[in-house]
Protein backbone atom coordinates (compact mmCIF):
# COMPACT_ATOMS: atom_id res chain seq x y z
CA UNK A 1 0.00 0.00 0.00
CA UNK A 2 1.52 3.26 -1.08
CA UNK A 3 0.65 5.68 1.70
CA UNK A 4 3.73 7.87 1.26
CA UNK A 5 2.91 11.49 0.49
CA UNK A 6 3.98 12.61 -2.98
CA UNK A 7 5.93 15.86 -3.28
CA UNK A 8 4.23 16.85 -6.52
CA UNK A 9 0.60 16.36 -5.42
CA UNK A 10 0.88 16.61 -1.66
CA UNK A 11 -1.33 13.53 -1.32
CA UNK A 12 -0.67 9.82 -0.92
CA UNK A 13 -1.68 7.69 -3.94
CA UNK A 14 -3.81 5.52 -1.64
CA UNK A 15 -5.76 8.60 -0.51
CA UNK A 16 -6.33 9.77 -4.08
CA UNK A 17 -7.63 6.32 -5.12
CA UNK A 18 -9.84 5.60 -2.11
CA UNK A 19 -10.50 8.96 -0.45
CA UNK A 20 -9.08 7.83 2.88
CA UNK A 21 -5.78 6.86 4.45
CA UNK A 22 -5.19 3.17 5.29
CA UNK A 23 -5.42 1.99 8.86
CA UNK A 24 -2.09 1.26 10.47
CA UNK A 25 -1.04 -2.35 10.74
CA UNK A 26 -2.09 -4.18 13.88
CA UNK A 27 1.47 -5.01 14.93
CA UNK A 28 2.73 -1.42 14.71
CA UNK A 29 1.50 -0.64 18.21
CA UNK A 30 1.19 -4.14 19.67
CA UNK A 31 3.76 -5.89 21.79
CA UNK A 32 5.45 -8.88 20.13
CA UNK A 33 3.89 -11.27 22.65
CA UNK A 34 0.39 -9.76 22.33
CA UNK A 35 -0.55 -11.56 19.08
CA UNK A 36 1.54 -14.75 18.96
CA UNK A 37 -0.80 -16.56 16.55
CA UNK A 38 -0.53 -13.72 14.00
CA UNK A 39 3.25 -13.80 14.20
CA UNK A 40 3.22 -17.61 13.93
CA UNK A 41 0.95 -17.42 10.85
CA UNK A 42 3.23 -14.83 9.23
CA UNK A 43 6.31 -16.91 10.03
CA UNK A 44 4.73 -20.02 8.48
CA UNK A 45 3.88 -18.09 5.30
CA UNK A 46 7.43 -16.71 5.15
CA UNK A 47 8.94 -20.18 5.54
CA UNK A 48 6.61 -21.54 2.84
CA UNK A 49 7.68 -18.79 0.43
CA UNK A 50 11.36 -19.46 1.16
CA UNK A 51 10.84 -23.21 0.60
CA UNK A 52 9.02 -22.57 -2.70
CA UNK A 53 11.82 -20.24 -3.81
CA UNK A 54 14.42 -22.91 -3.03
CA UNK A 55 12.42 -25.50 -5.00
CA UNK A 56 12.20 -23.17 -8.00
CA UNK A 57 15.97 -22.63 -7.92
CA UNK A 58 16.61 -26.38 -7.64
CA UNK A 59 14.31 -27.04 -10.60
CA UNK A 60 16.07 -24.37 -12.65
CA UNK A 61 19.47 -25.94 -11.92
CA UNK A 62 18.16 -29.41 -12.83
CA UNK A 63 16.62 -28.16 -16.10
CA UNK A 64 19.85 -26.39 -17.04
CA UNK A 65 21.88 -29.50 -16.26
CA UNK A 66 19.53 -31.74 -18.30
CA UNK A 67 19.51 -29.32 -21.25
CA UNK A 68 23.30 -29.06 -21.27
CA UNK A 69 23.66 -32.86 -21.45
CA UNK A 70 22.08 -32.90 -24.93
CA UNK A 71 23.59 -29.65 -26.16
CA UNK A 72 26.16 -29.86 -28.95
CA UNK A 73 28.82 -27.22 -29.58
CA UNK A 74 28.14 -24.83 -32.46
CA UNK A 75 29.62 -26.01 -35.80
CA UNK A 76 31.00 -22.53 -36.50
CA UNK A 77 33.42 -20.23 -34.74
CA UNK A 78 33.79 -16.49 -34.40
CA UNK A 79 34.65 -14.88 -37.73
CA UNK A 80 32.95 -17.56 -39.91
CA UNK A 81 30.55 -16.32 -42.58
CA UNK A 82 27.05 -17.72 -42.08
CA UNK A 83 23.60 -17.28 -43.62
CA UNK A 84 20.89 -15.78 -41.45
CA UNK A 85 17.20 -16.41 -41.97
CA UNK A 86 15.10 -13.26 -42.18
CA UNK A 87 11.87 -15.20 -41.77
CA UNK A 88 9.70 -13.88 -38.91
PDB file of N, CA and C in Angstrom:
ATOM      1  N   UNK A   1       0.861  -1.171   0.000  1.00  0.00           N
ATOM      2  CA  UNK A   1       0.000   0.000   0.000  1.00  0.00           C
ATOM      3  C   UNK A   1       0.900   1.223   0.000  1.00  0.00           C
ATOM      4  N   UNK A   2       0.695   2.064  -0.971  1.00  0.00           N
ATOM      5  CA  UNK A   2       1.515   3.261  -1.079  1.00  0.00           C
ATOM      6  C   UNK A   2       0.829   4.400  -0.345  1.00  0.00           C
ATOM      7  N   UNK A   3       1.241   4.599   0.906  1.00  0.00           N
ATOM      8  CA  UNK A   3       0.654   5.677   1.698  1.00  0.00           C
ATOM      9  C   UNK A   3       1.652   6.811   1.911  1.00  0.00           C
ATOM     10  N   UNK A   4       2.737   6.796   1.154  1.00  0.00           N
ATOM     11  CA  UNK A   4       3.733   7.867   1.261  1.00  0.00           C
ATOM     12  C   UNK A   4       3.236   9.092   0.497  1.00  0.00           C
ATOM     13  N   UNK A   5       3.382  10.247   1.094  1.00  0.00           N
ATOM     14  CA  UNK A   5       2.911  11.486   0.486  1.00  0.00           C
ATOM     15  C   UNK A   5       3.822  11.881  -0.667  1.00  0.00           C
ATOM     16  N   UNK A   6       3.227  12.204  -1.799  1.00  0.00           N
ATOM     17  CA  UNK A   6       3.976  12.610  -2.979  1.00  0.00           C
ATOM     18  C   UNK A   6       4.316  14.092  -2.888  1.00  0.00           C
ATOM     19  N   UNK A   7       5.533  14.452  -3.297  1.00  0.00           N
ATOM     20  CA  UNK A   7       5.935  15.863  -3.276  1.00  0.00           C
ATOM     21  C   UNK A   7       5.161  16.676  -4.299  1.00  0.00           C
ATOM     22  N   UNK A   8       4.874  16.084  -5.452  1.00  0.00           N
ATOM     23  CA  UNK A   8       4.231  16.848  -6.523  1.00  0.00           C
ATOM     24  C   UNK A   8       2.754  17.125  -6.244  1.00  0.00           C
ATOM     25  N   UNK A   9       2.032  16.153  -5.667  1.00  0.00           N
ATOM     26  CA  UNK A   9       0.604  16.360  -5.425  1.00  0.00           C
ATOM     27  C   UNK A   9       0.293  16.757  -3.995  1.00  0.00           C
ATOM     28  N   UNK A  10       1.147  16.352  -3.072  1.00  0.00           N
ATOM     29  CA  UNK A  10       0.881  16.612  -1.659  1.00  0.00           C
ATOM     30  C   UNK A  10      -0.029  15.572  -1.032  1.00  0.00           C
ATOM     31  N   UNK A  11      -0.449  14.583  -1.812  1.00  0.00           N
ATOM     32  CA  UNK A  11      -1.330  13.528  -1.323  1.00  0.00           C
ATOM     33  C   UNK A  11      -0.672  12.166  -1.528  1.00  0.00           C
ATOM     34  N   UNK A  12      -1.109  11.194  -0.737  1.00  0.00           N
ATOM     35  CA  UNK A  12      -0.671   9.818  -0.917  1.00  0.00           C
ATOM     36  C   UNK A  12      -1.501   9.189  -2.031  1.00  0.00           C
ATOM     37  N   UNK A  13      -0.908   8.350  -2.893  1.00  0.00           N
ATOM     38  CA  UNK A  13      -1.679   7.686  -3.945  1.00  0.00           C
ATOM     39  C   UNK A  13      -2.869   6.894  -3.395  1.00  0.00           C
ATOM     40  N   UNK A  14      -2.708   6.272  -2.242  1.00  0.00           N
ATOM     41  CA  UNK A  14      -3.810   5.520  -1.640  1.00  0.00           C
ATOM     42  C   UNK A  14      -4.984   6.444  -1.340  1.00  0.00           C
ATOM     43  N   UNK A  15      -4.706   7.636  -0.821  1.00  0.00           N
ATOM     44  CA  UNK A  15      -5.763   8.603  -0.510  1.00  0.00           C
ATOM     45  C   UNK A  15      -6.472   9.065  -1.780  1.00  0.00           C
ATOM     46  N   UNK A  16      -5.722   9.306  -2.840  1.00  0.00           N
ATOM     47  CA  UNK A  16      -6.330   9.767  -4.084  1.00  0.00           C
ATOM     48  C   UNK A  16      -7.203   8.684  -4.722  1.00  0.00           C
ATOM     49  N   UNK A  17      -6.840   7.416  -4.550  1.00  0.00           N
ATOM     50  CA  UNK A  17      -7.628   6.321  -5.121  1.00  0.00           C
ATOM     51  C   UNK A  17      -8.858   5.988  -4.294  1.00  0.00           C
ATOM     52  N   UNK A  18      -8.756   6.076  -2.975  1.00  0.00           N
ATOM     53  CA  UNK A  18      -9.842   5.604  -2.114  1.00  0.00           C
ATOM     54  C   UNK A  18     -10.526   6.714  -1.336  1.00  0.00           C
ATOM     55  N   UNK A  19      -9.905   7.872  -1.215  1.00  0.00           N
ATOM     56  CA  UNK A  19     -10.496   8.960  -0.452  1.00  0.00           C
ATOM     57  C   UNK A  19     -10.251   8.864   1.035  1.00  0.00           C
ATOM     58  N   UNK A  20      -9.403   7.973   1.454  1.00  0.00           N
ATOM     59  CA  UNK A  20      -9.077   7.829   2.877  1.00  0.00           C
ATOM     60  C   UNK A  20      -7.658   7.289   3.006  1.00  0.00           C
ATOM     61  N   UNK A  21      -7.103   7.423   4.177  1.00  0.00           N
ATOM     62  CA  UNK A  21      -5.782   6.862   4.449  1.00  0.00           C
ATOM     63  C   UNK A  21      -5.965   5.467   5.040  1.00  0.00           C
ATOM     64  N   UNK A  22      -5.044   4.530   4.759  1.00  0.00           N
ATOM     65  CA  UNK A  22      -5.193   3.172   5.290  1.00  0.00           C
ATOM     66  C   UNK A  22      -4.980   3.147   6.796  1.00  0.00           C
ATOM     67  N   UNK A  23      -5.641   2.183   7.431  1.00  0.00           N
ATOM     68  CA  UNK A  23      -5.421   1.992   8.864  1.00  0.00           C
ATOM     69  C   UNK A  23      -4.018   1.444   9.070  1.00  0.00           C
ATOM     70  N   UNK A  24      -3.431   1.765  10.195  1.00  0.00           N
ATOM     71  CA  UNK A  24      -2.087   1.256  10.467  1.00  0.00           C
ATOM     72  C   UNK A  24      -2.169  -0.236  10.756  1.00  0.00           C
ATOM     73  N   UNK A  25      -1.074  -0.918  10.523  1.00  0.00           N
ATOM     74  CA  UNK A  25      -1.038  -2.355  10.739  1.00  0.00           C
ATOM     75  C   UNK A  25      -1.208  -2.661  12.219  1.00  0.00           C
ATOM     76  N   UNK A  26      -1.766  -3.834  12.513  1.00  0.00           N
ATOM     77  CA  UNK A  26      -2.088  -4.184  13.885  1.00  0.00           C
ATOM     78  C   UNK A  26      -0.832  -4.340  14.742  1.00  0.00           C
ATOM     79  N   UNK A  27       0.275  -4.768  14.131  1.00  0.00           N
ATOM     80  CA  UNK A  27       1.471  -5.005  14.933  1.00  0.00           C
ATOM     81  C   UNK A  27       2.360  -3.773  15.069  1.00  0.00           C
ATOM     82  N   UNK A  28       1.947  -2.642  14.514  1.00  0.00           N
ATOM     83  CA  UNK A  28       2.731  -1.424  14.712  1.00  0.00           C
ATOM     84  C   UNK A  28       2.733  -0.990  16.167  1.00  0.00           C
ATOM     85  N   UNK A  29       1.590  -1.112  16.834  1.00  0.00           N
ATOM     86  CA  UNK A  29       1.502  -0.643  18.210  1.00  0.00           C
ATOM     87  C   UNK A  29       1.465  -1.783  19.213  1.00  0.00           C
ATOM     88  N   UNK A  30       1.329  -3.008  18.757  1.00  0.00           N
ATOM     89  CA  UNK A  30       1.191  -4.135  19.670  1.00  0.00           C
ATOM     90  C   UNK A  30       2.549  -4.666  20.091  1.00  0.00           C
ATOM     91  N   UNK A  31       2.564  -5.232  21.281  1.00  0.00           N
ATOM     92  CA  UNK A  31       3.762  -5.893  21.791  1.00  0.00           C
ATOM     93  C   UNK A  31       3.946  -7.204  21.025  1.00  0.00           C
ATOM     94  N   UNK A  32       5.177  -7.657  20.892  1.00  0.00           N
ATOM     95  CA  UNK A  32       5.446  -8.879  20.132  1.00  0.00           C
ATOM     96  C   UNK A  32       4.711 -10.082  20.712  1.00  0.00           C
ATOM     97  N   UNK A  33       4.540 -10.125  22.021  1.00  0.00           N
ATOM     98  CA  UNK A  33       3.885 -11.271  22.646  1.00  0.00           C
ATOM     99  C   UNK A  33       2.368 -11.123  22.687  1.00  0.00           C
ATOM    100  N   UNK A  34       1.832  -9.992  22.224  1.00  0.00           N
ATOM    101  CA  UNK A  34       0.391  -9.760  22.325  1.00  0.00           C
ATOM    102  C   UNK A  34      -0.403 -10.579  21.309  1.00  0.00           C
ATOM    103  N   UNK A  35       0.134 -10.798  20.121  1.00  0.00           N
ATOM    104  CA  UNK A  35      -0.547 -11.559  19.077  1.00  0.00           C
ATOM    105  C   UNK A  35       0.358 -12.682  18.570  1.00  0.00           C
ATOM    106  N   UNK A  36       0.607 -13.703  19.394  1.00  0.00           N
ATOM    107  CA  UNK A  36       1.539 -14.754  18.958  1.00  0.00           C
ATOM    108  C   UNK A  36       1.022 -15.559  17.766  1.00  0.00           C
ATOM    109  N   UNK A  37      -0.290 -15.759  17.660  1.00  0.00           N
ATOM    110  CA  UNK A  37      -0.803 -16.560  16.546  1.00  0.00           C
ATOM    111  C   UNK A  37      -0.633 -15.830  15.216  1.00  0.00           C
ATOM    112  N   UNK A  38      -0.737 -14.500  15.223  1.00  0.00           N
ATOM    113  CA  UNK A  38      -0.532 -13.724  14.001  1.00  0.00           C
ATOM    114  C   UNK A  38       0.922 -13.828  13.566  1.00  0.00           C
ATOM    115  N   UNK A  39       1.824 -13.692  14.522  1.00  0.00           N
ATOM    116  CA  UNK A  39       3.250 -13.804  14.199  1.00  0.00           C
ATOM    117  C   UNK A  39       3.588 -15.216  13.724  1.00  0.00           C
ATOM    118  N   UNK A  40       2.979 -16.227  14.342  1.00  0.00           N
ATOM    119  CA  UNK A  40       3.216 -17.607  13.930  1.00  0.00           C
ATOM    120  C   UNK A  40       2.704 -17.831  12.508  1.00  0.00           C
ATOM    121  N   UNK A  41       1.515 -17.303  12.198  1.00  0.00           N
ATOM    122  CA  UNK A  41       0.952 -17.415  10.853  1.00  0.00           C
ATOM    123  C   UNK A  41       1.878 -16.754   9.835  1.00  0.00           C
ATOM    124  N   UNK A  42       2.344 -15.547  10.145  1.00  0.00           N
ATOM    125  CA  UNK A  42       3.232 -14.828   9.226  1.00  0.00           C
ATOM    126  C   UNK A  42       4.547 -15.581   9.042  1.00  0.00           C
ATOM    127  N   UNK A  43       5.065 -16.150  10.117  1.00  0.00           N
ATOM    128  CA  UNK A  43       6.313 -16.912  10.028  1.00  0.00           C
ATOM    129  C   UNK A  43       6.126 -18.152   9.157  1.00  0.00           C
ATOM    130  N   UNK A  44       4.989 -18.842   9.316  1.00  0.00           N
ATOM    131  CA  UNK A  44       4.726 -20.020   8.484  1.00  0.00           C
ATOM    132  C   UNK A  44       4.637 -19.644   7.009  1.00  0.00           C
ATOM    133  N   UNK A  45       3.978 -18.532   6.695  1.00  0.00           N
ATOM    134  CA  UNK A  45       3.884 -18.088   5.301  1.00  0.00           C
ATOM    135  C   UNK A  45       5.268 -17.744   4.762  1.00  0.00           C
ATOM    136  N   UNK A  46       6.085 -17.079   5.586  1.00  0.00           N
ATOM    137  CA  UNK A  46       7.433 -16.706   5.152  1.00  0.00           C
ATOM    138  C   UNK A  46       8.271 -17.952   4.871  1.00  0.00           C
ATOM    139  N   UNK A  47       8.185 -18.948   5.748  1.00  0.00           N
ATOM    140  CA  UNK A  47       8.940 -20.183   5.542  1.00  0.00           C
ATOM    141  C   UNK A  47       8.456 -20.928   4.301  1.00  0.00           C
ATOM    142  N   UNK A  48       7.146 -20.894   4.038  1.00  0.00           N
ATOM    143  CA  UNK A  48       6.611 -21.545   2.842  1.00  0.00           C
ATOM    144  C   UNK A  48       7.120 -20.854   1.580  1.00  0.00           C
ATOM    145  N   UNK A  49       7.181 -19.538   1.595  1.00  0.00           N
ATOM    146  CA  UNK A  49       7.683 -18.792   0.435  1.00  0.00           C
ATOM    147  C   UNK A  49       9.160 -19.082   0.209  1.00  0.00           C
ATOM    148  N   UNK A  50       9.933 -19.149   1.279  1.00  0.00           N
ATOM    149  CA  UNK A  50      11.362 -19.462   1.165  1.00  0.00           C
ATOM    150  C   UNK A  50      11.547 -20.873   0.604  1.00  0.00           C
ATOM    151  N   UNK A  51      10.743 -21.834   1.089  1.00  0.00           N
ATOM    152  CA  UNK A  51      10.845 -23.211   0.595  1.00  0.00           C
ATOM    153  C   UNK A  51      10.473 -23.284  -0.882  1.00  0.00           C
ATOM    154  N   UNK A  52       9.414 -22.575  -1.284  1.00  0.00           N
ATOM    155  CA  UNK A  52       9.017 -22.566  -2.695  1.00  0.00           C
ATOM    156  C   UNK A  52      10.109 -21.948  -3.559  1.00  0.00           C
ATOM    157  N   UNK A  53      10.732 -20.888  -3.073  1.00  0.00           N
ATOM    158  CA  UNK A  53      11.820 -20.239  -3.812  1.00  0.00           C
ATOM    159  C   UNK A  53      12.985 -21.206  -3.997  1.00  0.00           C
ATOM    160  N   UNK A  54      13.330 -21.933  -2.938  1.00  0.00           N
ATOM    161  CA  UNK A  54      14.419 -22.906  -3.030  1.00  0.00           C
ATOM    162  C   UNK A  54      14.089 -24.016  -4.029  1.00  0.00           C
ATOM    163  N   UNK A  55      12.828 -24.462  -4.052  1.00  0.00           N
ATOM    164  CA  UNK A  55      12.419 -25.500  -5.003  1.00  0.00           C
ATOM    165  C   UNK A  55      12.500 -24.997  -6.438  1.00  0.00           C
ATOM    166  N   UNK A  56      12.123 -23.750  -6.654  1.00  0.00           N
ATOM    167  CA  UNK A  56      12.203 -23.174  -7.996  1.00  0.00           C
ATOM    168  C   UNK A  56      13.656 -23.100  -8.453  1.00  0.00           C
ATOM    169  N   UNK A  57      14.548 -22.687  -7.559  1.00  0.00           N
ATOM    170  CA  UNK A  57      15.971 -22.627  -7.917  1.00  0.00           C
ATOM    171  C   UNK A  57      16.527 -24.016  -8.214  1.00  0.00           C
ATOM    172  N   UNK A  58      16.136 -25.015  -7.408  1.00  0.00           N
ATOM    173  CA  UNK A  58      16.612 -26.380  -7.639  1.00  0.00           C
ATOM    174  C   UNK A  58      16.104 -26.905  -8.981  1.00  0.00           C
ATOM    175  N   UNK A  59      14.854 -26.607  -9.318  1.00  0.00           N
ATOM    176  CA  UNK A  59      14.306 -27.043 -10.605  1.00  0.00           C
ATOM    177  C   UNK A  59      15.026 -26.363 -11.756  1.00  0.00           C
ATOM    178  N   UNK A  60      15.356 -25.099 -11.595  1.00  0.00           N
ATOM    179  CA  UNK A  60      16.072 -24.371 -12.650  1.00  0.00           C
ATOM    180  C   UNK A  60      17.458 -24.971 -12.874  1.00  0.00           C
ATOM    181  N   UNK A  61      18.142 -25.319 -11.798  1.00  0.00           N
ATOM    182  CA  UNK A  61      19.468 -25.937 -11.916  1.00  0.00           C
ATOM    183  C   UNK A  61      19.355 -27.290 -12.608  1.00  0.00           C
ATOM    184  N   UNK A  62      18.344 -28.095 -12.223  1.00  0.00           N
ATOM    185  CA  UNK A  62      18.157 -29.410 -12.834  1.00  0.00           C
ATOM    186  C   UNK A  62      17.843 -29.280 -14.321  1.00  0.00           C
ATOM    187  N   UNK A  63      16.963 -28.346 -14.686  1.00  0.00           N
ATOM    188  CA  UNK A  63      16.619 -28.157 -16.095  1.00  0.00           C
ATOM    189  C   UNK A  63      17.832 -27.717 -16.905  1.00  0.00           C
ATOM    190  N   UNK A  64      18.638 -26.837 -16.346  1.00  0.00           N
ATOM    191  CA  UNK A  64      19.849 -26.388 -17.038  1.00  0.00           C
ATOM    192  C   UNK A  64      20.814 -27.552 -17.229  1.00  0.00           C
ATOM    193  N   UNK A  65      20.975 -28.352 -16.179  1.00  0.00           N
ATOM    194  CA  UNK A  65      21.877 -29.500 -16.258  1.00  0.00           C
ATOM    195  C   UNK A  65      21.388 -30.491 -17.319  1.00  0.00           C
ATOM    196  N   UNK A  66      20.085 -30.799 -17.316  1.00  0.00           N
ATOM    197  CA  UNK A  66      19.533 -31.739 -18.296  1.00  0.00           C
ATOM    198  C   UNK A  66      19.643 -31.199 -19.719  1.00  0.00           C
ATOM    199  N   UNK A  67      19.412 -29.911 -19.911  1.00  0.00           N
ATOM    200  CA  UNK A  67      19.508 -29.317 -21.250  1.00  0.00           C
ATOM    201  C   UNK A  67      20.947 -29.325 -21.744  1.00  0.00           C
ATOM    202  N   UNK A  68      21.896 -29.097 -20.864  1.00  0.00           N
ATOM    203  CA  UNK A  68      23.301 -29.057 -21.267  1.00  0.00           C
ATOM    204  C   UNK A  68      23.847 -30.441 -21.606  1.00  0.00           C
ATOM    205  N   UNK A  69      23.205 -31.513 -21.119  1.00  0.00           N
ATOM    206  CA  UNK A  69      23.663 -32.863 -21.453  1.00  0.00           C
ATOM    207  C   UNK A  69      23.460 -33.159 -22.935  1.00  0.00           C
ATOM    208  N   UNK A  70      22.388 -32.629 -23.528  1.00  0.00           N
ATOM    209  CA  UNK A  70      22.081 -32.897 -24.934  1.00  0.00           C
ATOM    210  C   UNK A  70      22.612 -31.817 -25.868  1.00  0.00           C
ATOM    211  N   UNK A  71      23.151 -30.783 -25.336  1.00  0.00           N
ATOM    212  CA  UNK A  71      23.590 -29.653 -26.161  1.00  0.00           C
ATOM    213  C   UNK A  71      24.899 -29.995 -26.877  1.00  0.00           C
ATOM    214  N   UNK A  72      24.951 -29.646 -28.165  1.00  0.00           N
ATOM    215  CA  UNK A  72      26.164 -29.855 -28.952  1.00  0.00           C
ATOM    216  C   UNK A  72      26.843 -28.517 -29.174  1.00  0.00           C
ATOM    217  N   UNK A  73      28.149 -28.493 -29.300  1.00  0.00           N
ATOM    218  CA  UNK A  73      28.821 -27.220 -29.581  1.00  0.00           C
ATOM    219  C   UNK A  73      28.450 -26.724 -30.979  1.00  0.00           C
ATOM    220  N   UNK A  74      28.481 -25.427 -31.166  1.00  0.00           N
ATOM    221  CA  UNK A  74      28.137 -24.833 -32.460  1.00  0.00           C
ATOM    222  C   UNK A  74      29.154 -25.265 -33.512  1.00  0.00           C
ATOM    223  N   UNK A  75      28.695 -25.554 -34.758  1.00  0.00           N
ATOM    224  CA  UNK A  75      29.616 -26.011 -35.805  1.00  0.00           C
ATOM    225  C   UNK A  75      30.417 -24.871 -36.429  1.00  0.00           C
ATOM    226  N   UNK A  76      30.263 -23.670 -35.948  1.00  0.00           N
ATOM    227  CA  UNK A  76      31.002 -22.532 -36.499  1.00  0.00           C
ATOM    228  C   UNK A  76      31.695 -21.795 -35.363  1.00  0.00           C
ATOM    229  N   UNK A  77      32.675 -20.990 -35.739  1.00  0.00           N
ATOM    230  CA  UNK A  77      33.425 -20.226 -34.745  1.00  0.00           C
ATOM    231  C   UNK A  77      33.320 -18.747 -35.067  1.00  0.00           C
ATOM    232  N   UNK A  78      33.829 -17.931 -34.205  1.00  0.00           N
ATOM    233  CA  UNK A  78      33.789 -16.489 -34.404  1.00  0.00           C
ATOM    234  C   UNK A  78      34.597 -16.123 -35.648  1.00  0.00           C
ATOM    235  N   UNK A  79      33.995 -15.297 -36.498  1.00  0.00           N
ATOM    236  CA  UNK A  79      34.650 -14.877 -37.731  1.00  0.00           C
ATOM    237  C   UNK A  79      34.175 -15.646 -38.954  1.00  0.00           C
ATOM    238  N   UNK A  80      33.484 -16.799 -38.772  1.00  0.00           N
ATOM    239  CA  UNK A  80      32.951 -17.561 -39.907  1.00  0.00           C
ATOM    240  C   UNK A  80      31.806 -16.781 -40.552  1.00  0.00           C
ATOM    241  N   UNK A  81      31.673 -16.928 -41.873  1.00  0.00           N
ATOM    242  CA  UNK A  81      30.551 -16.324 -42.584  1.00  0.00           C
ATOM    243  C   UNK A  81      29.387 -17.311 -42.568  1.00  0.00           C
ATOM    244  N   UNK A  82      28.225 -16.845 -42.171  1.00  0.00           N
ATOM    245  CA  UNK A  82      27.053 -17.719 -42.076  1.00  0.00           C
ATOM    246  C   UNK A  82      25.854 -17.027 -42.709  1.00  0.00           C
ATOM    247  N   UNK A  83      24.861 -17.823 -43.117  1.00  0.00           N
ATOM    248  CA  UNK A  83      23.602 -17.284 -43.624  1.00  0.00           C
ATOM    249  C   UNK A  83      22.639 -17.116 -42.454  1.00  0.00           C
ATOM    250  N   UNK A  84      21.905 -16.022 -42.462  1.00  0.00           N
ATOM    251  CA  UNK A  84      20.890 -15.783 -41.447  1.00  0.00           C
ATOM    252  C   UNK A  84      19.525 -15.774 -42.101  1.00  0.00           C
ATOM    253  N   UNK A  85      18.575 -16.408 -41.473  1.00  0.00           N
ATOM    254  CA  UNK A  85      17.205 -16.408 -41.971  1.00  0.00           C
ATOM    255  C   UNK A  85      16.523 -15.110 -41.547  1.00  0.00           C
ATOM    256  N   UNK A  86      15.836 -14.479 -42.493  1.00  0.00           N
ATOM    257  CA  UNK A  86      15.097 -13.255 -42.175  1.00  0.00           C
ATOM    258  C   UNK A  86      13.615 -13.554 -42.004  1.00  0.00           C
ATOM    259  N   UNK A  87      13.254 -14.812 -41.967  1.00  0.00           N
ATOM    260  CA  UNK A  87      11.865 -15.202 -41.769  1.00  0.00           C
ATOM    261  C   UNK A  87      11.453 -14.842 -40.342  1.00  0.00           C
ATOM    262  N   UNK A  88      10.247 -14.329 -40.200  1.00  0.00           N
ATOM    263  CA  UNK A  88       9.699 -13.881 -38.913  1.00  0.00           C
ATOM    264  C   UNK A  88      10.374 -12.600 -38.515  1.00  0.00           C
TER     265      UNK A  88
END
